[in-house]
Amino acid sequence: VAVLPAPQNLSVQSTNMKHLLMWSPLIVPEEITYYFVEYQGEYESLYMSHIWIPSSWCSPTEGPECDITDDVTATVPYNLRVRATVGAQTSAWSTLQHPFNRNSTILTPPVMEVTKDGFHLIIKLEDLGPQFEFLVAYWRREPGAKEHVKVVKSRGIPVHLGTMEPGAAYCVKVRTFVKAIGRHSPFSQAECVKVQGETLPLALALFAFVGFMLILVVVPVSVWKMGRLLRYSCCPVVVLPDTLKITNSPQKLISCRREEVEACATAVLSSEEPFKAWI
């Protein structure tokens, strides 16, 4: 009966506190190979009679790798082992040659995005997990400029660093710090952004001036139009026929009427004299 060989070439790839146990896969034609992973920390080794604990995500697993990040929770040496099963066959355990300690993880500079919002310098950092802090350094790009450092804990959220001066360029670099292992990554390459000068304020001032001039022209014309409209609405002009029009002054009309009345009275009196004589 063929004996199922144990997995070979165990190694741990650890970057930015993400730990991946890897091994060479077993090739068994027309069969599915399952792998079981177990770990043993310092506590289990010293105080729990060297017991082995099954991995949270890899007991079993079909692939030749296992994410042991959630299993390695302390900064102490961990022993790791793997075995394979195919059908009813089970291999012997294969143990990692040297215990793994998470303080050996490789820390790399984080991915960052530097932008500007008006005169505000904004940075957005990748989410590397709750154990990471970011030390952000930024400065104005000029000889002898002072470098400002800001500690950022928020992940994946834009963070305001400072206010930029018009026409100036600002540069940013960042590195990570992991308190659990007391280590930090190298700084990233600096990224720079430049804010425009006073073009926008000048344009706004020009638009404001044009708007003010339009108001000076439009408002008086509107008031004059409204006045004429109210005048014709409240006091309309009535066109009178010629017979009702007064062409002479009132005094002349009064004097003319008096003359007509006196002439009429004289005529009446003169016509009454024959009657008086007849009587």
C-alpha atoms as a PDB file:
ATOM      1  CA  VAL A   1       0.000   0.000   0.000  1.00  0.00           C
ATOM      2  CA  ALA A   2       1.429   3.355  -1.049  1.00  0.00           C
ATOM      3  CA  VAL A   3       2.025   5.783   1.786  1.00  0.00           C
ATOM      4  CA  LEU A   4       0.748   9.334   1.269  1.00  0.00           C
ATOM      5  CA  PRO A   5       3.761  11.679   1.484  1.00  0.00           C
ATOM      6  CA  ALA A   6       3.741  14.632   3.852  1.00  0.00           C
ATOM      7  CA  PRO A   7       3.613  18.164   2.404  1.00  0.00           C
ATOM      8  CA  GLN A   8       7.030  19.646   1.696  1.00  0.00           C
ATOM      9  CA  ASN A   9       8.724  23.059   1.516  1.00  0.00           C
ATOM     10  CA  LEU A  10       6.782  24.798   4.266  1.00  0.00           C
ATOM     11  CA  SER A  11       7.382  28.553   4.483  1.00  0.00           C
ATOM     12  CA  VAL A  12       5.665  31.693   5.738  1.00  0.00           C
ATOM     13  CA  GLN A  13       5.229  34.810   3.625  1.00  0.00           C
ATOM     14  CA  SER A  14       4.453  37.749   5.910  1.00  0.00           C
ATOM     15  CA  THR A  15       3.877  41.291   4.651  1.00  0.00           C
ATOM     16  CA  ASN A  16       2.232  44.139   6.562  1.00  0.00           C
ATOM     17  CA  MET A  17       1.058  41.785   9.338  1.00  0.00           C
ATOM     18  CA  LYS A  18      -0.649  39.415   6.888  1.00  0.00           C
ATOM     19  CA  HIS A  19       0.795  35.926   7.402  1.00  0.00           C
ATOM     20  CA  LEU A  20       0.464  33.187   4.792  1.00  0.00           C
ATOM     21  CA  LEU A  21       1.703  29.630   5.366  1.00  0.00           C
ATOM     22  CA  MET A  22       2.581  27.908   2.070  1.00  0.00           C
ATOM     23  CA  TRP A  23       3.732  24.423   0.973  1.00  0.00           C
ATOM     24  CA  SER A  24       4.191  22.326  -2.139  1.00  0.00           C
ATOM     25  CA  PRO A  25       0.933  20.662  -3.262  1.00  0.00           C
ATOM     26  CA  LEU A  26       0.483  16.893  -3.493  1.00  0.00           C
ATOM     27  CA  ILE A  27      -0.560  15.632  -6.920  1.00  0.00           C
ATOM     28  CA  VAL A  28      -2.913  12.645  -6.747  1.00  0.00           C
ATOM     29  CA  PRO A  29      -4.721  11.887 -10.039  1.00  0.00           C
ATOM     30  CA  GLU A  30      -8.528  11.928  -9.908  1.00  0.00           C
ATOM     31  CA  GLU A  31      -8.529  12.622  -6.189  1.00  0.00           C
ATOM     32  CA  ILE A  32      -9.113  15.720  -4.054  1.00  0.00           C
ATOM     33  CA  THR A  33      -6.401  16.454  -1.528  1.00  0.00           C
ATOM     34  CA  TYR A  34      -7.326  18.123   1.735  1.00  0.00           C
ATOM     35  CA  TYR A  35      -4.821  19.770   4.058  1.00  0.00           C
ATOM     36  CA  PHE A  36      -5.022  20.349   7.801  1.00  0.00           C
ATOM     37  CA  VAL A  37      -3.028  23.107   9.517  1.00  0.00           C
ATOM     38  CA  GLU A  38      -2.260  23.382  13.226  1.00  0.00           C
ATOM     39  CA  TYR A  39      -0.270  25.864  15.293  1.00  0.00           C
ATOM     40  CA  GLN A  40       1.381  25.954  18.690  1.00  0.00           C
ATOM     41  CA  GLY A  41       2.299  29.218  20.373  1.00  0.00           C
ATOM     42  CA  GLU A  42       4.530  29.882  23.340  1.00  0.00           C
ATOM     43  CA  TYR A  43       1.611  29.619  25.762  1.00  0.00           C
ATOM     44  CA  GLU A  44       0.483  26.244  24.384  1.00  0.00           C
ATOM     45  CA  SER A  45       4.052  24.979  24.453  1.00  0.00           C
ATOM     46  CA  LEU A  46       4.903  26.043  28.009  1.00  0.00           C
ATOM     47  CA  TYR A  47       1.594  25.902  29.870  1.00  0.00           C
ATOM     48  CA  MET A  48      -0.691  23.504  27.952  1.00  0.00           C
ATOM     49  CA  SER A  49       1.489  20.405  27.534  1.00  0.00           C
ATOM     50  CA  HIS A  50       2.530  21.153  23.959  1.00  0.00           C
ATOM     51  CA  ILE A  51      -0.969  20.864  22.525  1.00  0.00           C
ATOM     52  CA  TRP A  52      -1.620  21.804  18.900  1.00  0.00           C
ATOM     53  CA  ILE A  53      -4.601  23.970  17.912  1.00  0.00           C
ATOM     54  CA  PRO A  54      -6.345  23.625  14.513  1.00  0.00           C
ATOM     55  CA  SER A  55      -6.146  26.736  12.356  1.00  0.00           C
ATOM     56  CA  SER A  56      -9.285  28.875  12.221  1.00  0.00           C
ATOM     57  CA  TRP A  57      -9.568  28.832   8.419  1.00  0.00           C
ATOM     58  CA  CYS A  58      -7.560  25.839   7.242  1.00  0.00           C
ATOM     59  CA  SER A  59      -8.842  22.688   8.870  1.00  0.00           C
ATOM     60  CA  PRO A  60      -9.402  21.529   6.246  1.00  0.00           C
ATOM     61  CA  THR A  61      -8.488  23.456   3.091  1.00  0.00           C
ATOM     62  CA  GLU A  62      -8.001  22.346  -0.503  1.00  0.00           C
ATOM     63  CA  GLY A  63      -5.327  24.845  -1.542  1.00  0.00           C
ATOM     64  CA  PRO A  64      -1.594  24.616  -0.728  1.00  0.00           C
ATOM     65  CA  GLU A  65      -1.665  27.737   1.450  1.00  0.00           C
ATOM     66  CA  CYS A  66      -3.297  29.013   4.630  1.00  0.00           C
ATOM     67  CA  ASP A  67      -3.902  32.513   6.000  1.00  0.00           C
ATOM     68  CA  ILE A  68      -2.779  32.223   9.634  1.00  0.00           C
ATOM     69  CA  THR A  69      -3.133  35.944  10.447  1.00  0.00           C
ATOM     70  CA  ASP A  70      -6.003  35.347  12.890  1.00  0.00           C
ATOM     71  CA  ASP A  71      -4.104  32.486  14.559  1.00  0.00           C
ATOM     72  CA  VAL A  72      -0.888  34.406  15.209  1.00  0.00           C
ATOM     73  CA  THR A  73      -2.139  36.919  17.776  1.00  0.00           C
ATOM     74  CA  ALA A  74       0.968  37.438  19.929  1.00  0.00           C
ATOM     75  CA  THR A  75       4.526  38.510  19.234  1.00  0.00           C
ATOM     76  CA  VAL A  76       6.054  35.153  20.223  1.00  0.00           C
ATOM     77  CA  PRO A  77       7.458  32.181  18.262  1.00  0.00           C
ATOM     78  CA  TYR A  78       4.824  29.896  16.684  1.00  0.00           C
ATOM     79  CA  ASN A  79       5.326  26.326  15.524  1.00  0.00           C
ATOM     80  CA  LEU A  80       3.276  25.400  12.455  1.00  0.00           C
ATOM     81  CA  ARG A  81       2.558  22.021  10.873  1.00  0.00           C
ATOM     82  CA  VAL A  82       0.574  20.599   7.937  1.00  0.00           C
ATOM     83  CA  ARG A  83      -0.646  17.170   6.885  1.00  0.00           C
ATOM     84  CA  ALA A  84      -2.609  15.908   3.879  1.00  0.00           C
ATOM     85  CA  THR A  85      -5.496  13.479   3.415  1.00  0.00           C
ATOM     86  CA  VAL A  86      -6.681  11.781   0.235  1.00  0.00           C
ATOM     87  CA  GLY A  87      -9.710   9.576   0.702  1.00  0.00           C
ATOM     88  CA  ALA A  88      -8.892   7.248   3.592  1.00  0.00           C
ATOM     89  CA  GLN A  89      -5.168   7.981   3.452  1.00  0.00           C
ATOM     90  CA  THR A  90      -3.529  10.488   5.793  1.00  0.00           C
ATOM     91  CA  SER A  91       0.045  11.714   5.596  1.00  0.00           C
ATOM     92  CA  ALA A  92       2.430  12.387   8.429  1.00  0.00           C
ATOM     93  CA  TRP A  93       2.747  15.897   9.834  1.00  0.00           C
ATOM     94  CA  SER A  94       5.241  18.221   8.220  1.00  0.00           C
ATOM     95  CA  THR A  95       6.514  20.964  10.575  1.00  0.00           C
ATOM     96  CA  LEU A  96       7.890  24.398   9.709  1.00  0.00           C
ATOM     97  CA  GLN A  97      11.654  24.231  10.134  1.00  0.00           C
ATOM     98  CA  HIS A  98      11.973  27.437  12.182  1.00  0.00           C
ATOM     99  CA  PRO A  99       9.237  28.884  14.419  1.00  0.00           C
ATOM    100  CA  PHE A 100       7.554  31.961  12.996  1.00  0.00           C
ATOM    101  CA  ASN A 101       7.379  35.273  14.869  1.00  0.00           C
ATOM    102  CA  ARG A 102       5.193  38.035  13.496  1.00  0.00           C
ATOM    103  CA  ASN A 103       7.790  40.697  14.300  1.00  0.00           C
ATOM    104  CA  SER A 104       9.639  39.444  11.219  1.00  0.00           C
ATOM    105  CA  THR A 105       6.855  40.674   8.937  1.00  0.00           C
ATOM    106  CA  ILE A 106       7.935  42.917   6.080  1.00  0.00           C
ATOM    107  CA  LEU A 107       6.504  46.423   6.392  1.00  0.00           C
ATOM    108  CA  THR A 108       6.091  48.348   3.151  1.00  0.00           C
ATOM    109  CA  PRO A 109       5.111  51.986   2.600  1.00  0.00           C
ATOM    110  CA  PRO A 110       1.344  52.334   2.232  1.00  0.00           C
ATOM    111  CA  VAL A 111      -0.425  53.292  -0.950  1.00  0.00           C
ATOM    112  CA  MET A 112      -1.526  56.911  -0.715  1.00  0.00           C
ATOM    113  CA  GLU A 113      -3.486  59.366  -2.823  1.00  0.00           C
ATOM    114  CA  VAL A 114      -2.628  63.057  -2.485  1.00  0.00           C
ATOM    115  CA  THR A 115      -5.167  65.563  -3.793  1.00  0.00           C
ATOM    116  CA  LYS A 116      -6.247  69.144  -3.236  1.00  0.00           C
ATOM    117  CA  ASP A 117      -9.680  70.589  -2.600  1.00  0.00           C
ATOM    118  CA  GLY A 118      -9.414  74.286  -3.282  1.00  0.00           C
ATOM    119  CA  PHE A 119      -6.585  75.372  -0.970  1.00  0.00           C
ATOM    120  CA  HIS A 120      -6.848  72.262   1.251  1.00  0.00           C
ATOM    121  CA  LEU A 121      -4.245  69.473   1.117  1.00  0.00           C
ATOM    122  CA  ILE A 122      -5.958  66.056   1.310  1.00  0.00           C
ATOM    123  CA  ILE A 123      -4.496  62.549   1.694  1.00  0.00           C
ATOM    124  CA  LYS A 124      -6.190  59.153   1.460  1.00  0.00           C
ATOM    125  CA  LEU A 125      -4.399  56.018   2.723  1.00  0.00           C
ATOM    126  CA  GLU A 126      -5.036  52.347   2.095  1.00  0.00           C
ATOM    127  CA  ASP A 127      -6.617  50.246   4.827  1.00  0.00           C
ATOM    128  CA  LEU A 128      -3.959  47.909   6.268  1.00  0.00           C
ATOM    129  CA  GLY A 129      -5.874  46.905   9.386  1.00  0.00           C
ATOM    130  CA  PRO A 130      -6.491  48.170  12.916  1.00  0.00           C
ATOM    131  CA  GLN A 131      -2.899  47.628  14.088  1.00  0.00           C
ATOM    132  CA  PHE A 132      -1.465  50.269  11.766  1.00  0.00           C
ATOM    133  CA  GLU A 133      -0.841  53.946  12.344  1.00  0.00           C
ATOM    134  CA  PHE A 134       0.427  56.299   9.656  1.00  0.00           C
ATOM    135  CA  LEU A 135       3.091  58.959  10.130  1.00  0.00           C
ATOM    136  CA  VAL A 136       2.445  61.572   7.450  1.00  0.00           C
ATOM    137  CA  ALA A 137       5.065  64.213   6.692  1.00  0.00           C
ATOM    138  CA  TYR A 138       4.236  67.195   4.472  1.00  0.00           C
ATOM    139  CA  TRP A 139       6.013  70.420   3.594  1.00  0.00           C
ATOM    140  CA  ARG A 140       6.032  73.320   1.186  1.00  0.00           C
ATOM    141  CA  ARG A 141       8.414  72.644  -1.691  1.00  0.00           C
ATOM    142  CA  GLU A 142      11.028  75.337  -1.238  1.00  0.00           C
ATOM    143  CA  PRO A 143      14.566  75.537   0.176  1.00  0.00           C
ATOM    144  CA  GLY A 144      14.663  75.337   3.970  1.00  0.00           C
ATOM    145  CA  ALA A 145      10.959  74.521   4.307  1.00  0.00           C
ATOM    146  CA  LYS A 146       9.795  73.119   7.655  1.00  0.00           C
ATOM    147  CA  GLU A 147       8.493  69.553   7.625  1.00  0.00           C
ATOM    148  CA  HIS A 148       5.221  68.926   9.452  1.00  0.00           C
ATOM    149  CA  VAL A 149       4.349  65.469  10.818  1.00  0.00           C
ATOM    150  CA  LYS A 150       0.838  64.237  11.510  1.00  0.00           C
ATOM    151  CA  VAL A 151      -0.260  60.886  12.976  1.00  0.00           C
ATOM    152  CA  VAL A 152      -3.247  59.449  11.108  1.00  0.00           C
ATOM    153  CA  LYS A 153      -5.258  56.476  12.363  1.00  0.00           C
ATOM    154  CA  SER A 154      -8.253  56.587  10.036  1.00  0.00           C
ATOM    155  CA  ARG A 155      -8.026  54.164   7.124  1.00  0.00           C
ATOM    156  CA  GLY A 156      -9.546  54.569   3.686  1.00  0.00           C
ATOM    157  CA  ILE A 157     -10.992  57.986   4.585  1.00  0.00           C
ATOM    158  CA  PRO A 158      -9.695  61.312   3.172  1.00  0.00           C
ATOM    159  CA  VAL A 159      -7.816  63.328   5.807  1.00  0.00           C
ATOM    160  CA  HIS A 160      -7.169  67.075   5.760  1.00  0.00           C
ATOM    161  CA  LEU A 161      -3.486  67.869   6.346  1.00  0.00           C
ATOM    162  CA  GLY A 162      -3.346  71.639   6.058  1.00  0.00           C
ATOM    163  CA  THR A 163      -4.152  74.777   4.100  1.00  0.00           C
ATOM    164  CA  MET A 164      -1.961  75.625   1.118  1.00  0.00           C
ATOM    165  CA  GLU A 165      -0.880  79.051  -0.065  1.00  0.00           C
ATOM    166  CA  PRO A 166      -1.814  80.188  -3.593  1.00  0.00           C
ATOM    167  CA  GLY A 167       0.735  79.326  -6.264  1.00  0.00           C
ATOM    168  CA  ALA A 168       2.798  77.036  -3.976  1.00  0.00           C
ATOM    169  CA  ALA A 169       3.607  73.319  -4.315  1.00  0.00           C
ATOM    170  CA  TYR A 170       3.334  70.928  -1.362  1.00  0.00           C
ATOM    171  CA  CYS A 171       4.840  67.448  -0.990  1.00  0.00           C
ATOM    172  CA  VAL A 172       3.734  64.485   1.132  1.00  0.00           C
ATOM    173  CA  LYS A 173       5.362  61.228   2.214  1.00  0.00           C
ATOM    174  CA  VAL A 174       4.148  58.581   4.647  1.00  0.00           C
ATOM    175  CA  ARG A 175       5.253  55.495   6.541  1.00  0.00           C
ATOM    176  CA  THR A 176       3.443  52.986   8.727  1.00  0.00           C
ATOM    177  CA  PHE A 177       3.961  52.145  12.396  1.00  0.00           C
ATOM    178  CA  VAL A 178       2.835  48.945  14.125  1.00  0.00           C
ATOM    179  CA  LYS A 179       2.804  49.320  17.895  1.00  0.00           C
ATOM    180  CA  ALA A 180       2.346  45.570  18.508  1.00  0.00           C
ATOM    181  CA  ILE A 181       5.807  44.818  17.134  1.00  0.00           C
ATOM    182  CA  GLY A 182       7.412  48.238  17.682  1.00  0.00           C
ATOM    183  CA  ARG A 183       8.455  48.668  14.056  1.00  0.00           C
ATOM    184  CA  HIS A 184       7.787  51.065  11.213  1.00  0.00           C
ATOM    185  CA  SER A 185       8.069  50.877   7.445  1.00  0.00           C
ATOM    186  CA  PRO A 186      10.310  53.021   5.242  1.00  0.00           C
ATOM    187  CA  PHE A 187       8.893  56.299   3.974  1.00  0.00           C
ATOM    188  CA  SER A 188       7.104  56.274   0.661  1.00  0.00           C
ATOM    189  CA  GLN A 189       8.273  58.375  -2.243  1.00  0.00           C
ATOM    190  CA  ALA A 190       7.123  61.962  -1.966  1.00  0.00           C
ATOM    191  CA  GLU A 191       4.129  63.059  -4.008  1.00  0.00           C
ATOM    192  CA  CYS A 192       3.628  66.747  -4.741  1.00  0.00           C
ATOM    193  CA  VAL A 193       0.643  68.855  -5.756  1.00  0.00           C
ATOM    194  CA  LYS A 194       0.493  72.509  -6.709  1.00  0.00           C
ATOM    195  CA  VAL A 195      -2.361  74.869  -6.021  1.00  0.00           C
ATOM    196  CA  GLN A 196      -3.237  77.497  -8.606  1.00  0.00           C
ATOM    197  CA  GLY A 197      -2.747  81.196  -8.006  1.00  0.00           C
ATOM    198  CA  GLU A 198      -5.394  83.876  -7.690  1.00  0.00           C
ATOM    199  CA  THR A 199      -7.069  83.093 -11.025  1.00  0.00           C
ATOM    200  CA  LEU A 200     -10.306  82.020  -9.429  1.00  0.00           C
ATOM    201  CA  PRO A 201     -10.633  85.019  -7.064  1.00  0.00           C
ATOM    202  CA  LEU A 202      -9.884  87.407  -9.950  1.00  0.00           C
ATOM    203  CA  ALA A 203     -12.532  85.748 -12.082  1.00  0.00           C
ATOM    204  CA  LEU A 204     -15.017  85.998  -9.240  1.00  0.00           C
ATOM    205  CA  ALA A 205     -14.178  89.681  -8.793  1.00  0.00           C
ATOM    206  CA  LEU A 206     -14.680  90.286 -12.523  1.00  0.00           C
ATOM    207  CA  PHE A 207     -18.055  88.546 -12.480  1.00  0.00           C
ATOM    208  CA  ALA A 208     -19.062  90.552  -9.411  1.00  0.00           C
ATOM    209  CA  PHE A 209     -18.114  93.829 -11.126  1.00  0.00           C
ATOM    210  CA  VAL A 210     -20.077  92.952 -14.270  1.00  0.00           C
ATOM    211  CA  GLY A 211     -23.067  91.963 -12.154  1.00  0.00           C
ATOM    212  CA  PHE A 212     -22.893  95.244 -10.225  1.00  0.00           C
ATOM    213  CA  MET A 213     -22.832  97.272 -13.449  1.00  0.00           C
ATOM    214  CA  LEU A 214     -25.823  95.356 -14.774  1.00  0.00           C
ATOM    215  CA  ILE A 215     -27.698  96.098 -11.568  1.00  0.00           C
ATOM    216  CA  LEU A 216     -26.921  99.824 -11.915  1.00  0.00           C
ATOM    217  CA  VAL A 217     -28.421  99.806 -15.414  1.00  0.00           C
ATOM    218  CA  VAL A 218     -31.322  97.419 -14.958  1.00  0.00           C
ATOM    219  CA  VAL A 219     -32.699  98.727 -11.643  1.00  0.00           C
ATOM    220  CA  PRO A 220     -33.304 102.383 -12.742  1.00  0.00           C
ATOM    221  CA  VAL A 221     -34.862 101.250 -16.022  1.00  0.00           C
ATOM    222  CA  SER A 222     -37.117  98.846 -14.147  1.00  0.00           C
ATOM    223  CA  VAL A 223     -38.181 101.568 -11.690  1.00  0.00           C
ATOM    224  CA  TRP A 224     -38.970 103.951 -14.572  1.00  0.00           C
ATOM    225  CA  LYS A 225     -41.009 101.280 -16.363  1.00  0.00           C
ATOM    226  CA  MET A 226     -42.935 100.453 -13.199  1.00  0.00           C
ATOM    227  CA  GLY A 227     -43.644 104.138 -12.600  1.00  0.00           C
ATOM    228  CA  ARG A 228     -45.110 104.565 -16.076  1.00  0.00           C
ATOM    229  CA  LEU A 229     -47.152 101.406 -15.675  1.00  0.00           C
ATOM    230  CA  LEU A 230     -48.600 102.560 -12.356  1.00  0.00           C
ATOM    231  CA  ARG A 231     -49.307 106.012 -13.774  1.00  0.00           C
ATOM    232  CA  TYR A 232     -51.323 104.688 -16.704  1.00  0.00           C
ATOM    233  CA  SER A 233     -53.059 102.135 -14.480  1.00  0.00           C
ATOM    234  CA  CYS A 234     -54.142 104.550 -11.725  1.00  0.00           C
ATOM    235  CA  CYS A 235     -54.532 107.795 -13.715  1.00  0.00           C
ATOM    236  CA  PRO A 236     -55.462 106.900 -17.294  1.00  0.00           C
ATOM    237  CA  VAL A 237     -55.649 109.660 -19.940  1.00  0.00           C
ATOM    238  CA  VAL A 238     -59.230 110.088 -21.289  1.00  0.00           C
ATOM    239  CA  VAL A 239     -59.615 111.452 -24.813  1.00  0.00           C
ATOM    240  CA  LEU A 240     -62.479 114.051 -24.869  1.00  0.00           C
ATOM    241  CA  PRO A 241     -64.434 115.083 -27.953  1.00  0.00           C
ATOM    242  CA  ASP A 242     -63.761 118.548 -29.358  1.00  0.00           C
ATOM    243  CA  THR A 243     -67.104 119.918 -28.095  1.00  0.00           C
ATOM    244  CA  LEU A 244     -66.106 119.186 -24.497  1.00  0.00           C
ATOM    245  CA  LYS A 245     -62.645 120.608 -24.750  1.00  0.00           C
ATOM    246  CA  ILE A 246     -62.050 123.966 -23.048  1.00  0.00           C
ATOM    247  CA  THR A 247     -59.991 126.131 -25.324  1.00  0.00           C
ATOM    248  CA  ASN A 248     -60.324 129.429 -23.415  1.00  0.00           C
ATOM    249  CA  SER A 249     -59.487 130.261 -19.875  1.00  0.00           C
ATOM    250  CA  PRO A 250     -62.200 129.939 -17.191  1.00  0.00           C
ATOM    251  CA  GLN A 251     -62.242 133.724 -16.593  1.00  0.00           C
ATOM    252  CA  LYS A 252     -63.004 134.391 -20.236  1.00  0.00           C
ATOM    253  CA  LEU A 253     -65.765 131.810 -20.193  1.00  0.00           C
ATOM    254  CA  ILE A 254     -67.312 133.409 -17.097  1.00  0.00           C
ATOM    255  CA  SER A 255     -67.182 136.914 -18.599  1.00  0.00           C
ATOM    256  CA  CYS A 256     -68.679 135.637 -21.849  1.00  0.00           C
ATOM    257  CA  ARG A 257     -71.507 133.986 -20.032  1.00  0.00           C
ATOM    258  CA  ARG A 258     -72.239 137.199 -18.111  1.00  0.00           C
ATOM    259  CA  GLU A 259     -72.415 139.226 -21.328  1.00  0.00           C
ATOM    260  CA  GLU A 260     -74.780 136.705 -22.852  1.00  0.00           C
ATOM    261  CA  VAL A 261     -77.041 136.825 -19.775  1.00  0.00           C
ATOM    262  CA  GLU A 262     -77.157 140.645 -19.745  1.00  0.00           C
ATOM    263  CA  ALA A 263     -77.948 140.766 -23.457  1.00  0.00           C
ATOM    264  CA  CYS A 264     -80.715 138.274 -22.991  1.00  0.00           C
ATOM    265  CA  ALA A 265     -82.185 140.248 -20.069  1.00  0.00           C
ATOM    266  CA  THR A 266     -82.132 143.465 -22.110  1.00  0.00           C
ATOM    267  CA  ALA A 267     -83.934 141.767 -24.951  1.00  0.00           C
ATOM    268  CA  VAL A 268     -86.596 140.445 -22.614  1.00  0.00           C
ATOM    269  CA  LEU A 269     -87.173 143.826 -21.049  1.00  0.00           C
ATOM    270  CA  SER A 270     -87.491 145.516 -24.421  1.00  0.00           C
ATOM    271  CA  SER A 271     -90.064 142.973 -25.531  1.00  0.00           C
ATOM    272  CA  GLU A 272     -92.159 143.581 -22.410  1.00  0.00           C
ATOM    273  CA  GLU A 273     -92.609 147.321 -23.044  1.00  0.00           C
ATOM    274  CA  PRO A 274     -95.463 146.959 -25.667  1.00  0.00           C
ATOM    275  CA  PHE A 275     -97.352 144.804 -23.237  1.00  0.00           C
ATOM    276  CA  LYS A 276     -97.016 147.441 -20.550  1.00  0.00           C
ATOM    277  CA  ALA A 277     -98.285 150.105 -22.957  1.00  0.00           C
ATOM    278  CA  TRP A 278    -101.229 147.947 -23.995  1.00  0.00           C
ATOM    279  CA  ILE A 279    -102.166 147.349 -20.416  1.00  0.00           C
END
